[in-house]
Amino acid sequence: MKLPKTAHTTRPWRIHEITPDFRLEDVWALPTPGGPDDLARLVRQFTSADMPRRTSFFTRTLFEIRWKLGKLLGWDKSETGLGSRVQSLRDRLPLDLRGAPPALDLPTGPFTCVYQTDDEWAAEIANRTVHAVMHIGWVQDEAGGYHGQMAVLVKPNGIVGKIYMAVIAPFRHLIVYPSLIGAIGRNWQAGMS
């Protein structure tokens, strides 16, 4: 379920300290009911090599098209990414987060973990179009239970990045997010970690 942006902005997340120059694109509730300490389980599930295969055929096809276009247009060359075009957000971490044990990266994708706490996990990607962050938070609901909440923060790279974000918006909202969130929910219900 898509949430208002205030579902993310009004929480005291550490990500706010690190990304003041990023724009919040989307916030989604994840179908992952659990207890107060279940974020680590969600991160393990989310970062498993199996996760992309659990999304829809259309989502996998869109990603294949995106990676082929990126290769053709040079969007994903190493000189356009982290440590080249942009500094990793790990360089912005406050001292207390820098000493934390490393968290999990996405094994099959270009996202790199920035940090993980008891109630947050953030991963970043940078290429010629954007510098983006996927933030997973663990939130308490009105009934006293807990669930995951996903937010996407973006810093477009010039006019190309702004056009890119505008073009992919309908695909993200109509295909990618529903498929991804559905896969997360099915895995969660199946007890996969």
C-alpha atoms as a PDB file:
ATOM      1  CA  MET A   1       0.000   0.000   0.000  1.00  0.00           C
ATOM      2  CA  LYS A   2       1.315   3.411  -0.984  1.00  0.00           C
ATOM      3  CA  LEU A   3       1.630   5.768   1.967  1.00  0.00           C
ATOM      4  CA  PRO A   4       1.747   9.551   2.234  1.00  0.00           C
ATOM      5  CA  LYS A   5       5.265  10.969   2.349  1.00  0.00           C
ATOM      6  CA  THR A   6       4.681  12.048   5.943  1.00  0.00           C
ATOM      7  CA  ALA A   7       4.741   8.360   6.933  1.00  0.00           C
ATOM      8  CA  HIS A   8       8.482   8.633   6.295  1.00  0.00           C
ATOM      9  CA  THR A   9       9.284  12.297   6.958  1.00  0.00           C
ATOM     10  CA  THR A  10       7.694  12.443  10.426  1.00  0.00           C
ATOM     11  CA  ARG A  11       9.698   9.513  11.797  1.00  0.00           C
ATOM     12  CA  PRO A  12      13.040  10.101  13.517  1.00  0.00           C
ATOM     13  CA  TRP A  13      14.994   8.045  10.972  1.00  0.00           C
ATOM     14  CA  ARG A  14      18.774   8.399  10.828  1.00  0.00           C
ATOM     15  CA  ILE A  15      18.509   8.580   7.026  1.00  0.00           C
ATOM     16  CA  HIS A  16      17.260  12.178   7.360  1.00  0.00           C
ATOM     17  CA  GLU A  17      20.691  13.259   8.682  1.00  0.00           C
ATOM     18  CA  ILE A  18      22.442  11.679   5.720  1.00  0.00           C
ATOM     19  CA  THR A  19      20.206  12.641   2.783  1.00  0.00           C
ATOM     20  CA  PRO A  20      19.022  16.250   3.257  1.00  0.00           C
ATOM     21  CA  ASP A  21      19.757  16.935  -0.433  1.00  0.00           C
ATOM     22  CA  PHE A  22      17.701  13.962  -1.699  1.00  0.00           C
ATOM     23  CA  ARG A  23      14.048  14.079  -2.752  1.00  0.00           C
ATOM     24  CA  LEU A  24      11.596  11.581  -1.275  1.00  0.00           C
ATOM     25  CA  GLU A  25       9.885   9.817  -4.191  1.00  0.00           C
ATOM     26  CA  ASP A  26       7.735   7.077  -2.689  1.00  0.00           C
ATOM     27  CA  VAL A  27       6.734   5.461   0.590  1.00  0.00           C
ATOM     28  CA  TRP A  28       5.135   2.002   0.785  1.00  0.00           C
ATOM     29  CA  ALA A  29       3.886  -0.195   3.629  1.00  0.00           C
ATOM     30  CA  LEU A  30       5.246  -3.725   3.376  1.00  0.00           C
ATOM     31  CA  PRO A  31       3.030  -6.748   4.152  1.00  0.00           C
ATOM     32  CA  THR A  32       5.425  -8.056   6.810  1.00  0.00           C
ATOM     33  CA  PRO A  33       3.605  -8.231  10.147  1.00  0.00           C
ATOM     34  CA  GLY A  34       5.963  -9.083  12.964  1.00  0.00           C
ATOM     35  CA  GLY A  35       7.478  -8.245  16.283  1.00  0.00           C
ATOM     36  CA  PRO A  36       9.767  -5.432  17.385  1.00  0.00           C
ATOM     37  CA  ASP A  37      12.994  -7.214  16.426  1.00  0.00           C
ATOM     38  CA  ASP A  38      12.138  -8.527  12.941  1.00  0.00           C
ATOM     39  CA  LEU A  39      13.942  -5.978  10.758  1.00  0.00           C
ATOM     40  CA  ALA A  40      17.021  -8.215  10.486  1.00  0.00           C
ATOM     41  CA  ARG A  41      14.810 -11.029   9.153  1.00  0.00           C
ATOM     42  CA  LEU A  42      13.299  -8.680   6.561  1.00  0.00           C
ATOM     43  CA  VAL A  43      16.740  -7.475   5.444  1.00  0.00           C
ATOM     44  CA  ARG A  44      17.988 -11.076   5.091  1.00  0.00           C
ATOM     45  CA  GLN A  45      14.923 -11.913   3.005  1.00  0.00           C
ATOM     46  CA  PHE A  46      15.178  -8.767   0.918  1.00  0.00           C
ATOM     47  CA  THR A  47      18.871  -9.255   0.185  1.00  0.00           C
ATOM     48  CA  SER A  48      18.632 -12.949  -0.655  1.00  0.00           C
ATOM     49  CA  ALA A  49      19.782 -13.958  -4.129  1.00  0.00           C
ATOM     50  CA  ASP A  50      16.372 -15.558  -4.602  1.00  0.00           C
ATOM     51  CA  MET A  51      14.393 -12.315  -4.265  1.00  0.00           C
ATOM     52  CA  PRO A  52      14.523 -11.027  -7.881  1.00  0.00           C
ATOM     53  CA  ARG A  53      13.213 -14.352  -9.212  1.00  0.00           C
ATOM     54  CA  ARG A  54      10.165 -14.008  -6.994  1.00  0.00           C
ATOM     55  CA  THR A  55       8.991 -10.814  -8.701  1.00  0.00           C
ATOM     56  CA  SER A  56       6.723 -10.864 -11.756  1.00  0.00           C
ATOM     57  CA  PHE A  57       7.830 -11.667 -15.288  1.00  0.00           C
ATOM     58  CA  PHE A  58       7.024  -8.071 -16.277  1.00  0.00           C
ATOM     59  CA  THR A  59       9.190  -6.638 -13.507  1.00  0.00           C
ATOM     60  CA  ARG A  60      12.120  -8.872 -14.417  1.00  0.00           C
ATOM     61  CA  THR A  61      11.663  -7.912 -18.082  1.00  0.00           C
ATOM     62  CA  LEU A  62      11.619  -4.191 -17.250  1.00  0.00           C
ATOM     63  CA  PHE A  63      14.876  -4.564 -15.322  1.00  0.00           C
ATOM     64  CA  GLU A  64      16.477  -6.487 -18.193  1.00  0.00           C
ATOM     65  CA  ILE A  65      15.449  -3.707 -20.597  1.00  0.00           C
ATOM     66  CA  ARG A  66      16.768  -1.071 -18.166  1.00  0.00           C
ATOM     67  CA  TRP A  67      20.167  -2.782 -17.830  1.00  0.00           C
ATOM     68  CA  LYS A  68      20.472  -3.223 -21.616  1.00  0.00           C
ATOM     69  CA  LEU A  69      19.592   0.441 -22.192  1.00  0.00           C
ATOM     70  CA  GLY A  70      22.058   1.416 -19.482  1.00  0.00           C
ATOM     71  CA  LYS A  71      24.799  -0.532 -21.201  1.00  0.00           C
ATOM     72  CA  LEU A  72      23.934   0.888 -24.612  1.00  0.00           C
ATOM     73  CA  LEU A  73      23.767   4.488 -23.343  1.00  0.00           C
ATOM     74  CA  GLY A  74      26.670   4.216 -20.876  1.00  0.00           C
ATOM     75  CA  TRP A  75      24.507   4.961 -17.842  1.00  0.00           C
ATOM     76  CA  ASP A  76      26.063   2.300 -15.630  1.00  0.00           C
ATOM     77  CA  LYS A  77      29.775   2.608 -16.336  1.00  0.00           C
ATOM     78  CA  SER A  78      31.951   2.515 -13.232  1.00  0.00           C
ATOM     79  CA  GLU A  79      32.946   6.163 -13.689  1.00  0.00           C
ATOM     80  CA  THR A  80      29.273   7.177 -13.343  1.00  0.00           C
ATOM     81  CA  GLY A  81      28.721   5.443  -9.998  1.00  0.00           C
ATOM     82  CA  LEU A  82      29.688   5.445  -6.355  1.00  0.00           C
ATOM     83  CA  GLY A  83      33.193   6.631  -5.613  1.00  0.00           C
ATOM     84  CA  SER A  84      33.501   8.198  -9.068  1.00  0.00           C
ATOM     85  CA  ARG A  85      30.658  10.539 -10.024  1.00  0.00           C
ATOM     86  CA  VAL A  86      29.341  10.687  -6.463  1.00  0.00           C
ATOM     87  CA  GLN A  87      30.684   9.876  -3.021  1.00  0.00           C
ATOM     88  CA  SER A  88      29.043   7.037  -1.154  1.00  0.00           C
ATOM     89  CA  LEU A  89      26.619   8.067   1.552  1.00  0.00           C
ATOM     90  CA  ARG A  90      28.777   5.934   3.873  1.00  0.00           C
ATOM     91  CA  ASP A  91      31.151   8.924   3.814  1.00  0.00           C
ATOM     92  CA  ARG A  92      28.389  11.036   5.405  1.00  0.00           C
ATOM     93  CA  LEU A  93      27.606   8.640   8.243  1.00  0.00           C
ATOM     94  CA  PRO A  94      27.856   9.991  11.777  1.00  0.00           C
ATOM     95  CA  LEU A  95      30.566   8.358  13.877  1.00  0.00           C
ATOM     96  CA  ASP A  96      28.188   6.059  15.753  1.00  0.00           C
ATOM     97  CA  LEU A  97      26.979   4.506  12.479  1.00  0.00           C
ATOM     98  CA  ARG A  98      30.438   4.230  10.922  1.00  0.00           C
ATOM     99  CA  GLY A  99      31.525   1.720  13.549  1.00  0.00           C
ATOM    100  CA  ALA A 100      28.482  -0.511  13.090  1.00  0.00           C
ATOM    101  CA  PRO A 101      29.066  -3.956  11.623  1.00  0.00           C
ATOM    102  CA  PRO A 102      28.522  -4.053   7.874  1.00  0.00           C
ATOM    103  CA  ALA A 103      25.005  -4.934   6.789  1.00  0.00           C
ATOM    104  CA  LEU A 104      23.880  -6.891   3.775  1.00  0.00           C
ATOM    105  CA  ASP A 105      24.155  -5.699   0.163  1.00  0.00           C
ATOM    106  CA  LEU A 106      21.765  -6.802  -2.545  1.00  0.00           C
ATOM    107  CA  PRO A 107      23.671  -9.737  -4.092  1.00  0.00           C
ATOM    108  CA  THR A 108      22.080  -9.578  -7.518  1.00  0.00           C
ATOM    109  CA  GLY A 109      21.817  -5.854  -8.005  1.00  0.00           C
ATOM    110  CA  PRO A 110      23.803  -2.674  -8.030  1.00  0.00           C
ATOM    111  CA  PHE A 111      22.701  -1.491  -4.575  1.00  0.00           C
ATOM    112  CA  THR A 112      25.324  -1.161  -1.830  1.00  0.00           C
ATOM    113  CA  CYS A 113      24.394  -1.077   1.837  1.00  0.00           C
ATOM    114  CA  VAL A 114      24.901   2.252   3.589  1.00  0.00           C
ATOM    115  CA  TYR A 115      23.989   1.224   7.154  1.00  0.00           C
ATOM    116  CA  GLN A 116      21.715  -0.891   9.306  1.00  0.00           C
ATOM    117  CA  THR A 117      20.338  -0.229  12.789  1.00  0.00           C
ATOM    118  CA  ASP A 118      17.681  -2.007  14.850  1.00  0.00           C
ATOM    119  CA  ASP A 119      14.925  -0.283  12.876  1.00  0.00           C
ATOM    120  CA  GLU A 120      16.521   0.943   9.609  1.00  0.00           C
ATOM    121  CA  TRP A 121      18.403  -0.444   6.633  1.00  0.00           C
ATOM    122  CA  ALA A 122      19.510   1.744   3.728  1.00  0.00           C
ATOM    123  CA  ALA A 123      21.180   0.870   0.436  1.00  0.00           C
ATOM    124  CA  GLU A 124      22.301   3.162  -2.385  1.00  0.00           C
ATOM    125  CA  ILE A 125      22.891   3.129  -6.119  1.00  0.00           C
ATOM    126  CA  ALA A 126      24.500   5.735  -8.349  1.00  0.00           C
ATOM    127  CA  ASN A 127      24.773   5.912 -12.113  1.00  0.00           C
ATOM    128  CA  ARG A 128      24.632   8.548 -14.826  1.00  0.00           C
ATOM    129  CA  THR A 129      20.925   9.217 -14.173  1.00  0.00           C
ATOM    130  CA  VAL A 130      20.553   9.302 -10.373  1.00  0.00           C
ATOM    131  CA  HIS A 131      21.979   8.741  -6.940  1.00  0.00           C
ATOM    132  CA  ALA A 132      19.201   6.861  -5.129  1.00  0.00           C
ATOM    133  CA  VAL A 133      18.551   5.302  -1.745  1.00  0.00           C
ATOM    134  CA  MET A 134      16.218   2.493  -0.794  1.00  0.00           C
ATOM    135  CA  HIS A 135      15.313   2.822   2.881  1.00  0.00           C
ATOM    136  CA  ILE A 136      13.582   0.033   4.787  1.00  0.00           C
ATOM    137  CA  GLY A 137      12.247   1.012   8.190  1.00  0.00           C
ATOM    138  CA  TRP A 138      10.601  -1.124  10.849  1.00  0.00           C
ATOM    139  CA  VAL A 139       7.544   0.658  12.252  1.00  0.00           C
ATOM    140  CA  GLN A 140       4.954   0.059  14.924  1.00  0.00           C
ATOM    141  CA  ASP A 141       1.324   0.207  13.808  1.00  0.00           C
ATOM    142  CA  GLU A 142      -1.800   1.341  15.670  1.00  0.00           C
ATOM    143  CA  ALA A 143      -2.569  -2.232  16.805  1.00  0.00           C
ATOM    144  CA  GLY A 144       0.823  -2.578  18.530  1.00  0.00           C
ATOM    145  CA  GLY A 145       2.332  -4.847  15.874  1.00  0.00           C
ATOM    146  CA  TYR A 146       5.221  -4.033  13.568  1.00  0.00           C
ATOM    147  CA  HIS A 147       5.848  -4.110   9.819  1.00  0.00           C
ATOM    148  CA  GLY A 148       8.295  -2.893   7.216  1.00  0.00           C
ATOM    149  CA  GLN A 149       8.046   0.407   5.399  1.00  0.00           C
ATOM    150  CA  MET A 150       9.991   1.146   2.215  1.00  0.00           C
ATOM    151  CA  ALA A 151      10.964   4.617   1.025  1.00  0.00           C
ATOM    152  CA  VAL A 152      12.841   5.648  -2.103  1.00  0.00           C
ATOM    153  CA  LEU A 153      14.933   8.829  -2.032  1.00  0.00           C
ATOM    154  CA  VAL A 154      16.496  10.242  -5.190  1.00  0.00           C
ATOM    155  CA  LYS A 155      18.954  12.871  -6.298  1.00  0.00           C
ATOM    156  CA  PRO A 156      18.584  13.134 -10.111  1.00  0.00           C
ATOM    157  CA  ASN A 157      21.703  13.880 -12.125  1.00  0.00           C
ATOM    158  CA  GLY A 158      20.816  16.968 -14.144  1.00  0.00           C
ATOM    159  CA  ILE A 159      18.171  17.109 -16.840  1.00  0.00           C
ATOM    160  CA  VAL A 160      18.862  13.513 -17.936  1.00  0.00           C
ATOM    161  CA  GLY A 161      18.109  12.300 -14.403  1.00  0.00           C
ATOM    162  CA  LYS A 162      14.919  14.360 -14.157  1.00  0.00           C
ATOM    163  CA  ILE A 163      13.666  13.039 -17.502  1.00  0.00           C
ATOM    164  CA  TYR A 164      14.636   9.491 -16.535  1.00  0.00           C
ATOM    165  CA  MET A 165      12.681   9.698 -13.266  1.00  0.00           C
ATOM    166  CA  ALA A 166       9.634  11.098 -15.067  1.00  0.00           C
ATOM    167  CA  VAL A 167       9.718   8.365 -17.726  1.00  0.00           C
ATOM    168  CA  ILE A 168      10.052   5.475 -15.267  1.00  0.00           C
ATOM    169  CA  ALA A 169       7.458   6.759 -12.750  1.00  0.00           C
ATOM    170  CA  PRO A 170       4.453   4.931 -14.254  1.00  0.00           C
ATOM    171  CA  PHE A 171       6.430   1.689 -14.564  1.00  0.00           C
ATOM    172  CA  ARG A 172       7.573   1.945 -10.936  1.00  0.00           C
ATOM    173  CA  HIS A 173       4.086   2.600  -9.613  1.00  0.00           C
ATOM    174  CA  LEU A 174       2.074   0.228 -11.807  1.00  0.00           C
ATOM    175  CA  ILE A 175       4.448  -2.724 -12.225  1.00  0.00           C
ATOM    176  CA  VAL A 176       7.694  -2.712 -10.230  1.00  0.00           C
ATOM    177  CA  TYR A 177       6.552  -1.720  -6.728  1.00  0.00           C
ATOM    178  CA  PRO A 178       3.390  -3.882  -6.679  1.00  0.00           C
ATOM    179  CA  SER A 179       5.391  -6.888  -7.893  1.00  0.00           C
ATOM    180  CA  LEU A 180       8.239  -6.322  -5.446  1.00  0.00           C
ATOM    181  CA  ILE A 181       5.936  -5.708  -2.494  1.00  0.00           C
ATOM    182  CA  GLY A 182       3.866  -8.770  -3.396  1.00  0.00           C
ATOM    183  CA  ALA A 183       7.018 -10.915  -3.521  1.00  0.00           C
ATOM    184  CA  ILE A 184       8.154  -9.558  -0.147  1.00  0.00           C
ATOM    185  CA  GLY A 185       4.751 -10.374   1.369  1.00  0.00           C
ATOM    186  CA  ARG A 186       4.654 -13.908  -0.072  1.00  0.00           C
ATOM    187  CA  ASN A 187       8.164 -14.631   1.167  1.00  0.00           C
ATOM    188  CA  TRP A 188       7.356 -13.217   4.576  1.00  0.00           C
ATOM    189  CA  GLN A 189       4.215 -15.311   4.915  1.00  0.00           C
ATOM    190  CA  ALA A 190       6.094 -18.421   3.800  1.00  0.00           C
ATOM    191  CA  GLY A 191       8.577 -17.816   6.637  1.00  0.00           C
ATOM    192  CA  MET A 192      11.526 -17.421   4.292  1.00  0.00           C
ATOM    193  CA  SER A 193      14.578 -15.584   5.556  1.00  0.00           C
END
